[in-house]
Amino acid sequence: MTFVFENRPRVEDDILEALDYYFLINPKLAEDFLNRLEEAKLTILNSPEGFETKYKSAKTILQKQFPYHIYYLIEENKIVILAVLHAESSEEKIGKI
């Protein structure tokens, strides 16, 4: 089955927040963050059901190199990304996805 990605509105803000943080440390880190994000999305495409259900019915994958989880749902032929959150995010923040 072929899947397409769909981002919930908050995802862009999540990514921009992380990019701002890493860019201040080193612009190369921000670029690496985006590359790891794309790698994680490819991993999801290769095995969408292969990851832990971590919150309600949302599955999650931890990015390589960076402590960020991608929370997603599988809906028919779509992978809906709900959020991109730091691994130490509070339960309250996770609860808002």
PDB file of N, CA and C in Angstrom:
ATOM      1  N   MET A   1       0.836  -1.175   0.000  1.00  0.00           N
ATOM      2  CA  MET A   1       0.000   0.000   0.000  1.00  0.00           C
ATOM      3  C   MET A   1       0.889   1.248   0.000  1.00  0.00           C
ATOM      4  N   THR A   2       0.483   2.239  -0.738  1.00  0.00           N
ATOM      5  CA  THR A   2       1.204   3.503  -0.800  1.00  0.00           C
ATOM      6  C   THR A   2       0.560   4.501   0.156  1.00  0.00           C
ATOM      7  N   PHE A   3       1.397   5.104   0.978  1.00  0.00           N
ATOM      8  CA  PHE A   3       0.914   6.082   1.949  1.00  0.00           C
ATOM      9  C   PHE A   3       1.380   7.484   1.563  1.00  0.00           C
ATOM     10  N   VAL A   4       0.597   8.464   1.964  1.00  0.00           N
ATOM     11  CA  VAL A   4       0.997   9.864   1.851  1.00  0.00           C
ATOM     12  C   VAL A   4       1.012  10.437   3.262  1.00  0.00           C
ATOM     13  N   PHE A   5       1.868  11.415   3.468  1.00  0.00           N
ATOM     14  CA  PHE A   5       1.932  12.074   4.766  1.00  0.00           C
ATOM     15  C   PHE A   5       0.999  13.266   4.797  1.00  0.00           C
ATOM     16  N   GLU A   6       0.420  13.463   5.964  1.00  0.00           N
ATOM     17  CA  GLU A   6      -0.389  14.651   6.223  1.00  0.00           C
ATOM     18  C   GLU A   6       0.020  15.150   7.605  1.00  0.00           C
ATOM     19  N   ASN A   7       0.327  16.427   7.704  1.00  0.00           N
ATOM     20  CA  ASN A   7       0.713  17.006   8.987  1.00  0.00           C
ATOM     21  C   ASN A   7      -0.465  17.736   9.612  1.00  0.00           C
ATOM     22  N   ARG A   8      -0.662  17.520  10.893  1.00  0.00           N
ATOM     23  CA  ARG A   8      -1.605  18.338  11.634  1.00  0.00           C
ATOM     24  C   ARG A   8      -1.010  19.735  11.745  1.00  0.00           C
ATOM     25  N   PRO A   9      -1.827  20.759  11.935  1.00  0.00           N
ATOM     26  CA  PRO A   9      -1.336  22.144  11.953  1.00  0.00           C
ATOM     27  C   PRO A   9      -0.190  22.417  12.930  1.00  0.00           C
ATOM     28  N   ARG A  10      -0.173  21.781  14.077  1.00  0.00           N
ATOM     29  CA  ARG A  10       0.850  22.056  15.079  1.00  0.00           C
ATOM     30  C   ARG A  10       2.235  21.557  14.703  1.00  0.00           C
ATOM     31  N   VAL A  11       2.329  20.623  13.754  1.00  0.00           N
ATOM     32  CA  VAL A  11       3.603  19.991  13.416  1.00  0.00           C
ATOM     33  C   VAL A  11       4.624  21.028  12.934  1.00  0.00           C
ATOM     34  N   GLU A  12       4.192  21.955  12.114  1.00  0.00           N
ATOM     35  CA  GLU A  12       5.115  22.976  11.620  1.00  0.00           C
ATOM     36  C   GLU A  12       5.714  23.772  12.788  1.00  0.00           C
ATOM     37  N   ASP A  13       4.884  24.134  13.743  1.00  0.00           N
ATOM     38  CA  ASP A  13       5.379  24.872  14.913  1.00  0.00           C
ATOM     39  C   ASP A  13       6.355  24.030  15.732  1.00  0.00           C
ATOM     40  N   ASP A  14       6.052  22.743  15.894  1.00  0.00           N
ATOM     41  CA  ASP A  14       6.951  21.848  16.628  1.00  0.00           C
ATOM     42  C   ASP A  14       8.323  21.812  15.969  1.00  0.00           C
ATOM     43  N   ILE A  15       8.330  21.673  14.650  1.00  0.00           N
ATOM     44  CA  ILE A  15       9.589  21.577  13.910  1.00  0.00           C
ATOM     45  C   ILE A  15      10.344  22.904  13.969  1.00  0.00           C
ATOM     46  N   LEU A  16       9.647  24.006  13.786  1.00  0.00           N
ATOM     47  CA  LEU A  16      10.300  25.317  13.842  1.00  0.00           C
ATOM     48  C   LEU A  16      10.900  25.593  15.216  1.00  0.00           C
ATOM     49  N   GLU A  17      10.228  25.180  16.262  1.00  0.00           N
ATOM     50  CA  GLU A  17      10.757  25.355  17.620  1.00  0.00           C
ATOM     51  C   GLU A  17      12.076  24.606  17.782  1.00  0.00           C
ATOM     52  N   ALA A  18      12.122  23.366  17.320  1.00  0.00           N
ATOM     53  CA  ALA A  18      13.350  22.572  17.407  1.00  0.00           C
ATOM     54  C   ALA A  18      14.449  23.176  16.533  1.00  0.00           C
ATOM     55  N   LEU A  19      14.086  23.587  15.326  1.00  0.00           N
ATOM     56  CA  LEU A  19      15.079  24.174  14.422  1.00  0.00           C
ATOM     57  C   LEU A  19      15.684  25.448  15.005  1.00  0.00           C
ATOM     58  N   ASP A  20      14.852  26.296  15.588  1.00  0.00           N
ATOM     59  CA  ASP A  20      15.354  27.522  16.214  1.00  0.00           C
ATOM     60  C   ASP A  20      16.378  27.192  17.297  1.00  0.00           C
ATOM     61  N   TYR A  21      16.059  26.215  18.119  1.00  0.00           N
ATOM     62  CA  TYR A  21      16.959  25.821  19.204  1.00  0.00           C
ATOM     63  C   TYR A  21      18.300  25.324  18.642  1.00  0.00           C
ATOM     64  N   TYR A  22      18.245  24.389  17.697  1.00  0.00           N
ATOM     65  CA  TYR A  22      19.481  23.819  17.161  1.00  0.00           C
ATOM     66  C   TYR A  22      20.268  24.825  16.326  1.00  0.00           C
ATOM     67  N   PHE A  23      19.582  25.709  15.631  1.00  0.00           N
ATOM     68  CA  PHE A  23      20.258  26.718  14.825  1.00  0.00           C
ATOM     69  C   PHE A  23      21.090  27.650  15.700  1.00  0.00           C
ATOM     70  N   LEU A  24      20.576  27.982  16.880  1.00  0.00           N
ATOM     71  CA  LEU A  24      21.326  28.842  17.790  1.00  0.00           C
ATOM     72  C   LEU A  24      22.614  28.175  18.270  1.00  0.00           C
ATOM     73  N   ILE A  25      22.578  26.879  18.409  1.00  0.00           N
ATOM     74  CA  ILE A  25      23.773  26.138  18.821  1.00  0.00           C
ATOM     75  C   ILE A  25      24.751  26.049  17.655  1.00  0.00           C
ATOM     76  N   ASN A  26      24.209  25.617  16.507  1.00  0.00           N
ATOM     77  CA  ASN A  26      25.037  25.453  15.314  1.00  0.00           C
ATOM     78  C   ASN A  26      24.096  25.225  14.131  1.00  0.00           C
ATOM     79  N   PRO A  27      24.176  26.063  13.085  1.00  0.00           N
ATOM     80  CA  PRO A  27      23.280  25.883  11.928  1.00  0.00           C
ATOM     81  C   PRO A  27      23.335  24.478  11.325  1.00  0.00           C
ATOM     82  N   LYS A  28      24.484  23.825  11.413  1.00  0.00           N
ATOM     83  CA  LYS A  28      24.601  22.455  10.887  1.00  0.00           C
ATOM     84  C   LYS A  28      23.699  21.496  11.657  1.00  0.00           C
ATOM     85  N   LEU A  29      23.543  21.736  12.956  1.00  0.00           N
ATOM     86  CA  LEU A  29      22.648  20.884  13.747  1.00  0.00           C
ATOM     87  C   LEU A  29      21.206  21.008  13.268  1.00  0.00           C
ATOM     88  N   ALA A  30      20.791  22.210  12.925  1.00  0.00           N
ATOM     89  CA  ALA A  30      19.429  22.401  12.412  1.00  0.00           C
ATOM     90  C   ALA A  30      19.246  21.625  11.112  1.00  0.00           C
ATOM     91  N   GLU A  31      20.236  21.677  10.256  1.00  0.00           N
ATOM     92  CA  GLU A  31      20.174  20.921   8.999  1.00  0.00           C
ATOM     93  C   GLU A  31      20.133  19.417   9.271  1.00  0.00           C
ATOM     94  N   ASP A  32      20.963  18.964  10.203  1.00  0.00           N
ATOM     95  CA  ASP A  32      20.969  17.547  10.571  1.00  0.00           C
ATOM     96  C   ASP A  32      19.617  17.112  11.140  1.00  0.00           C
ATOM     97  N   PHE A  33      19.002  17.988  11.935  1.00  0.00           N
ATOM     98  CA  PHE A  33      17.686  17.679  12.497  1.00  0.00           C
ATOM     99  C   PHE A  33      16.677  17.404  11.374  1.00  0.00           C
ATOM    100  N   LEU A  34      16.661  18.275  10.374  1.00  0.00           N
ATOM    101  CA  LEU A  34      15.736  18.075   9.241  1.00  0.00           C
ATOM    102  C   LEU A  34      16.039  16.781   8.493  1.00  0.00           C
ATOM    103  N   ASN A  35      17.321  16.480   8.321  1.00  0.00           N
ATOM    104  CA  ASN A  35      17.692  15.237   7.631  1.00  0.00           C
ATOM    105  C   ASN A  35      17.234  14.013   8.419  1.00  0.00           C
ATOM    106  N   ARG A  36      17.426  14.019   9.748  1.00  0.00           N
ATOM    107  CA  ARG A  36      16.979  12.890  10.568  1.00  0.00           C
ATOM    108  C   ARG A  36      15.460  12.773  10.558  1.00  0.00           C
ATOM    109  N   LEU A  37      14.778  13.911  10.488  1.00  0.00           N
ATOM    110  CA  LEU A  37      13.314  13.901  10.405  1.00  0.00           C
ATOM    111  C   LEU A  37      12.857  13.188   9.126  1.00  0.00           C
ATOM    112  N   GLU A  38      13.492  13.514   8.008  1.00  0.00           N
ATOM    113  CA  GLU A  38      13.151  12.862   6.741  1.00  0.00           C
ATOM    114  C   GLU A  38      13.483  11.372   6.772  1.00  0.00           C
ATOM    115  N   GLU A  39      14.608  11.025   7.385  1.00  0.00           N
ATOM    116  CA  GLU A  39      14.966   9.606   7.523  1.00  0.00           C
ATOM    117  C   GLU A  39      13.913   8.859   8.344  1.00  0.00           C
ATOM    118  N   ALA A  40      13.457   9.475   9.427  1.00  0.00           N
ATOM    119  CA  ALA A  40      12.440   8.835  10.258  1.00  0.00           C
ATOM    120  C   ALA A  40      11.147   8.637   9.478  1.00  0.00           C
ATOM    121  N   LYS A  41      10.784   9.612   8.666  1.00  0.00           N
ATOM    122  CA  LYS A  41       9.573   9.476   7.854  1.00  0.00           C
ATOM    123  C   LYS A  41       9.710   8.324   6.862  1.00  0.00           C
ATOM    124  N   LEU A  42      10.880   8.148   6.277  1.00  0.00           N
ATOM    125  CA  LEU A  42      11.098   7.010   5.370  1.00  0.00           C
ATOM    126  C   LEU A  42      10.993   5.692   6.125  1.00  0.00           C
ATOM    127  N   THR A  43      11.510   5.678   7.345  1.00  0.00           N
ATOM    128  CA  THR A  43      11.410   4.471   8.169  1.00  0.00           C
ATOM    129  C   THR A  43       9.945   4.153   8.459  1.00  0.00           C
ATOM    130  N   ILE A  44       9.162   5.178   8.750  1.00  0.00           N
ATOM    131  CA  ILE A  44       7.724   4.967   8.974  1.00  0.00           C
ATOM    132  C   ILE A  44       7.082   4.393   7.718  1.00  0.00           C
ATOM    133  N   LEU A  45       7.408   4.955   6.557  1.00  0.00           N
ATOM    134  CA  LEU A  45       6.829   4.458   5.299  1.00  0.00           C
ATOM    135  C   LEU A  45       7.145   2.988   5.077  1.00  0.00           C
ATOM    136  N   ASN A  46       8.350   2.572   5.454  1.00  0.00           N
ATOM    137  CA  ASN A  46       8.762   1.183   5.243  1.00  0.00           C
ATOM    138  C   ASN A  46       8.085   0.207   6.195  1.00  0.00           C
ATOM    139  N   SER A  47       7.634   0.701   7.342  1.00  0.00           N
ATOM    140  CA  SER A  47       7.008  -0.176   8.324  1.00  0.00           C
ATOM    141  C   SER A  47       6.068   0.629   9.222  1.00  0.00           C
ATOM    142  N   PRO A  48       4.970   1.126   8.666  1.00  0.00           N
ATOM    143  CA  PRO A  48       4.097   2.007   9.436  1.00  0.00           C
ATOM    144  C   PRO A  48       3.524   1.380  10.705  1.00  0.00           C
ATOM    145  N   GLU A  49       3.282   0.088  10.690  1.00  0.00           N
ATOM    146  CA  GLU A  49       2.716  -0.589  11.863  1.00  0.00           C
ATOM    147  C   GLU A  49       3.795  -1.049  12.835  1.00  0.00           C
ATOM    148  N   GLY A  50       5.050  -0.862  12.474  1.00  0.00           N
ATOM    149  CA  GLY A  50       6.144  -1.453  13.232  1.00  0.00           C
ATOM    150  C   GLY A  50       6.606  -0.701  14.458  1.00  0.00           C
ATOM    151  N   PHE A  51       5.876   0.317  14.874  1.00  0.00           N
ATOM    152  CA  PHE A  51       6.341   1.115  16.005  1.00  0.00           C
ATOM    153  C   PHE A  51       5.331   1.112  17.134  1.00  0.00           C
ATOM    154  N   GLU A  52       5.850   1.398  18.311  1.00  0.00           N
ATOM    155  CA  GLU A  52       5.075   1.333  19.546  1.00  0.00           C
ATOM    156  C   GLU A  52       3.918   2.341  19.559  1.00  0.00           C
ATOM    157  N   THR A  53       2.786   1.877  20.060  1.00  0.00           N
ATOM    158  CA  THR A  53       1.681   2.789  20.333  1.00  0.00           C
ATOM    159  C   THR A  53       1.968   3.368  21.707  1.00  0.00           C
ATOM    160  N   LYS A  54       2.252   4.661  21.726  1.00  0.00           N
ATOM    161  CA  LYS A  54       2.745   5.282  22.952  1.00  0.00           C
ATOM    162  C   LYS A  54       1.684   6.128  23.654  1.00  0.00           C
ATOM    163  N   TYR A  55       0.822   6.754  22.899  1.00  0.00           N
ATOM    164  CA  TYR A  55      -0.190   7.615  23.504  1.00  0.00           C
ATOM    165  C   TYR A  55      -1.509   7.386  22.797  1.00  0.00           C
ATOM    166  N   LYS A  56      -2.498   6.931  23.552  1.00  0.00           N
ATOM    167  CA  LYS A  56      -3.797   6.571  22.980  1.00  0.00           C
ATOM    168  C   LYS A  56      -3.563   5.663  21.785  1.00  0.00           C
ATOM    169  N   SER A  57      -3.969   6.062  20.576  1.00  0.00           N
ATOM    170  CA  SER A  57      -3.751   5.208  19.407  1.00  0.00           C
ATOM    171  C   SER A  57      -2.609   5.719  18.538  1.00  0.00           C
ATOM    172  N   ALA A  58      -1.864   6.707  19.031  1.00  0.00           N
ATOM    173  CA  ALA A  58      -0.758   7.270  18.253  1.00  0.00           C
ATOM    174  C   ALA A  58       0.502   6.420  18.403  1.00  0.00           C
ATOM    175  N   LYS A  59       1.103   6.129  17.280  1.00  0.00           N
ATOM    176  CA  LYS A  59       2.385   5.432  17.272  1.00  0.00           C
ATOM    177  C   LYS A  59       3.488   6.483  17.355  1.00  0.00           C
ATOM    178  N   THR A  60       4.685   6.050  17.717  1.00  0.00           N
ATOM    179  CA  THR A  60       5.792   6.992  17.830  1.00  0.00           C
ATOM    180  C   THR A  60       7.093   6.353  17.394  1.00  0.00           C
ATOM    181  N   ILE A  61       7.947   7.186  16.837  1.00  0.00           N
ATOM    182  CA  ILE A  61       9.296   6.781  16.469  1.00  0.00           C
ATOM    183  C   ILE A  61      10.236   7.849  16.998  1.00  0.00           C
ATOM    184  N   LEU A  62      11.325   7.417  17.583  1.00  0.00           N
ATOM    185  CA  LEU A  62      12.346   8.327  18.086  1.00  0.00           C
ATOM    186  C   LEU A  62      13.364   8.563  16.979  1.00  0.00           C
ATOM    187  N   GLN A  63      13.629   9.825  16.679  1.00  0.00           N
ATOM    188  CA  GLN A  63      14.604  10.157  15.639  1.00  0.00           C
ATOM    189  C   GLN A  63      15.999   9.722  16.064  1.00  0.00           C
ATOM    190  N   LYS A  64      16.827   9.378  15.095  1.00  0.00           N
ATOM    191  CA  LYS A  64      18.232   9.115  15.362  1.00  0.00           C
ATOM    192  C   LYS A  64      18.918  10.445  15.635  1.00  0.00           C
ATOM    193  N   GLN A  65      19.866  10.439  16.534  1.00  0.00           N
ATOM    194  CA  GLN A  65      20.722  11.581  16.847  1.00  0.00           C
ATOM    195  C   GLN A  65      20.033  12.656  17.684  1.00  0.00           C
ATOM    196  N   PHE A  66      18.731  12.806  17.590  1.00  0.00           N
ATOM    197  CA  PHE A  66      18.027  13.869  18.297  1.00  0.00           C
ATOM    198  C   PHE A  66      16.929  13.266  19.173  1.00  0.00           C
ATOM    199  N   PRO A  67      16.711  13.822  20.371  1.00  0.00           N
ATOM    200  CA  PRO A  67      15.720  13.249  21.285  1.00  0.00           C
ATOM    201  C   PRO A  67      14.300  13.744  20.989  1.00  0.00           C
ATOM    202  N   TYR A  68      13.828  13.485  19.785  1.00  0.00           N
ATOM    203  CA  TYR A  68      12.488  13.910  19.383  1.00  0.00           C
ATOM    204  C   TYR A  68      11.700  12.724  18.867  1.00  0.00           C
ATOM    205  N   HIS A  69      10.468  12.628  19.359  1.00  0.00           N
ATOM    206  CA  HIS A  69       9.537  11.608  18.892  1.00  0.00           C
ATOM    207  C   HIS A  69       8.627  12.206  17.829  1.00  0.00           C
ATOM    208  N   ILE A  70       8.328  11.405  16.823  1.00  0.00           N
ATOM    209  CA  ILE A  70       7.298  11.745  15.844  1.00  0.00           C
ATOM    210  C   ILE A  70       6.078  10.913  16.228  1.00  0.00           C
ATOM    211  N   TYR A  71       4.992  11.579  16.555  1.00  0.00           N
ATOM    212  CA  TYR A  71       3.732  10.910  16.894  1.00  0.00           C
ATOM    213  C   TYR A  71       2.869  10.891  15.640  1.00  0.00           C
ATOM    214  N   TYR A  72       2.326   9.705  15.305  1.00  0.00           N
ATOM    215  CA  TYR A  72       1.527   9.604  14.082  1.00  0.00           C
ATOM    216  C   TYR A  72       0.416   8.569  14.205  1.00  0.00           C
ATOM    217  N   LEU A  73      -0.548   8.724  13.312  1.00  0.00           N
ATOM    218  CA  LEU A  73      -1.656   7.776  13.158  1.00  0.00           C
ATOM    219  C   LEU A  73      -1.646   7.249  11.738  1.00  0.00           C
ATOM    220  N   ILE A  74      -2.187   6.069  11.567  1.00  0.00           N
ATOM    221  CA  ILE A  74      -2.372   5.510  10.229  1.00  0.00           C
ATOM    222  C   ILE A  74      -3.862   5.554   9.937  1.00  0.00           C
ATOM    223  N   GLU A  75      -4.226   6.262   8.879  1.00  0.00           N
ATOM    224  CA  GLU A  75      -5.629   6.388   8.481  1.00  0.00           C
ATOM    225  C   GLU A  75      -5.728   6.043   6.994  1.00  0.00           C
ATOM    226  N   GLU A  76      -6.283   4.876   6.712  1.00  0.00           N
ATOM    227  CA  GLU A  76      -6.423   4.395   5.341  1.00  0.00           C
ATOM    228  C   GLU A  76      -5.091   4.496   4.620  1.00  0.00           C
ATOM    229  N   ASN A  77      -4.957   5.401   3.631  1.00  0.00           N
ATOM    230  CA  ASN A  77      -3.703   5.498   2.876  1.00  0.00           C
ATOM    231  C   ASN A  77      -2.867   6.701   3.320  1.00  0.00           C
ATOM    232  N   LYS A  78      -3.153   7.220   4.530  1.00  0.00           N
ATOM    233  CA  LYS A  78      -2.433   8.380   5.034  1.00  0.00           C
ATOM    234  C   LYS A  78      -1.704   8.048   6.331  1.00  0.00           C
ATOM    235  N   ILE A  79      -0.558   8.665   6.482  1.00  0.00           N
ATOM    236  CA  ILE A  79       0.132   8.686   7.756  1.00  0.00           C
ATOM    237  C   ILE A  79       0.006  10.121   8.240  1.00  0.00           C
ATOM    238  N   VAL A  80      -0.743  10.294   9.301  1.00  0.00           N
ATOM    239  CA  VAL A  80      -1.021  11.628   9.825  1.00  0.00           C
ATOM    240  C   VAL A  80      -0.055  11.908  10.971  1.00  0.00           C
ATOM    241  N   ILE A  81       0.835  12.861  10.751  1.00  0.00           N
ATOM    242  CA  ILE A  81       1.768  13.242  11.802  1.00  0.00           C
ATOM    243  C   ILE A  81       1.048  14.220  12.721  1.00  0.00           C
ATOM    244  N   LEU A  82       0.981  13.837  13.983  1.00  0.00           N
ATOM    245  CA  LEU A  82       0.263  14.619  14.980  1.00  0.00           C
ATOM    246  C   LEU A  82       1.154  15.654  15.648  1.00  0.00           C
ATOM    247  N   ALA A  83       2.410  15.275  15.899  1.00  0.00           N
ATOM    248  CA  ALA A  83       3.322  16.157  16.618  1.00  0.00           C
ATOM    249  C   ALA A  83       4.747  15.648  16.478  1.00  0.00           C
ATOM    250  N   VAL A  84       5.689  16.561  16.683  1.00  0.00           N
ATOM    251  CA  VAL A  84       7.110  16.235  16.771  1.00  0.00           C
ATOM    252  C   VAL A  84       7.560  16.851  18.093  1.00  0.00           C
ATOM    253  N   LEU A  85       7.737  15.992  19.111  1.00  0.00           N
ATOM    254  CA  LEU A  85       7.980  16.491  20.467  1.00  0.00           C
ATOM    255  C   LEU A  85       9.272  15.941  21.057  1.00  0.00           C
ATOM    256  N   HIS A  86       9.897  16.771  21.872  1.00  0.00           N
ATOM    257  CA  HIS A  86      11.100  16.360  22.590  1.00  0.00           C
ATOM    258  C   HIS A  86      10.756  15.165  23.481  1.00  0.00           C
ATOM    259  N   ALA A  87      11.704  14.277  23.641  1.00  0.00           N
ATOM    260  CA  ALA A  87      11.478  13.062  24.427  1.00  0.00           C
ATOM    261  C   ALA A  87      11.149  13.364  25.888  1.00  0.00           C
ATOM    262  N   GLU A  88      11.552  14.522  26.381  1.00  0.00           N
ATOM    263  CA  GLU A  88      11.274  14.903  27.764  1.00  0.00           C
ATOM    264  C   GLU A  88      10.041  15.794  27.895  1.00  0.00           C
ATOM    265  N   SER A  89       9.206  15.834  26.864  1.00  0.00           N
ATOM    266  CA  SER A  89       7.991  16.652  26.917  1.00  0.00           C
ATOM    267  C   SER A  89       7.079  16.174  28.045  1.00  0.00           C
ATOM    268  N   SER A  90       6.403  17.122  28.637  1.00  0.00           N
ATOM    269  CA  SER A  90       5.509  16.796  29.753  1.00  0.00           C
ATOM    270  C   SER A  90       4.289  16.020  29.253  1.00  0.00           C
ATOM    271  N   GLU A  91       3.692  15.290  30.178  1.00  0.00           N
ATOM    272  CA  GLU A  91       2.457  14.567  29.851  1.00  0.00           C
ATOM    273  C   GLU A  91       1.369  15.531  29.391  1.00  0.00           C
ATOM    274  N   GLU A  92       1.386  16.733  29.957  1.00  0.00           N
ATOM    275  CA  GLU A  92       0.397  17.743  29.561  1.00  0.00           C
ATOM    276  C   GLU A  92       0.568  18.115  28.089  1.00  0.00           C
ATOM    277  N   LYS A  93       1.809  18.312  27.667  1.00  0.00           N
ATOM    278  CA  LYS A  93       2.072  18.668  26.261  1.00  0.00           C
ATOM    279  C   LYS A  93       1.719  17.510  25.337  1.00  0.00           C
ATOM    280  N   ILE A  94       2.072  16.318  25.744  1.00  0.00           N
ATOM    281  CA  ILE A  94       1.739  15.140  24.937  1.00  0.00           C
ATOM    282  C   ILE A  94       0.237  14.961  24.862  1.00  0.00           C
ATOM    283  N   GLY A  95      -0.454  15.244  25.946  1.00  0.00           N
ATOM    284  CA  GLY A  95      -1.897  15.106  25.991  1.00  0.00           C
ATOM    285  C   GLY A  95      -2.640  16.033  25.033  1.00  0.00           C
ATOM    286  N   LYS A  96      -1.957  17.059  24.560  1.00  0.00           N
ATOM    287  CA  LYS A  96      -2.588  18.017  23.650  1.00  0.00           C
ATOM    288  C   LYS A  96      -2.474  17.617  22.177  1.00  0.00           C
ATOM    289  N   ILE A  97      -1.846  16.493  21.917  1.00  0.00           N
ATOM    290  CA  ILE A  97      -1.748  16.079  20.516  1.00  0.00           C
ATOM    291  C   ILE A  97      -3.057  15.455  20.116  1.00  0.00           C
TER     292      ILE A  97
END
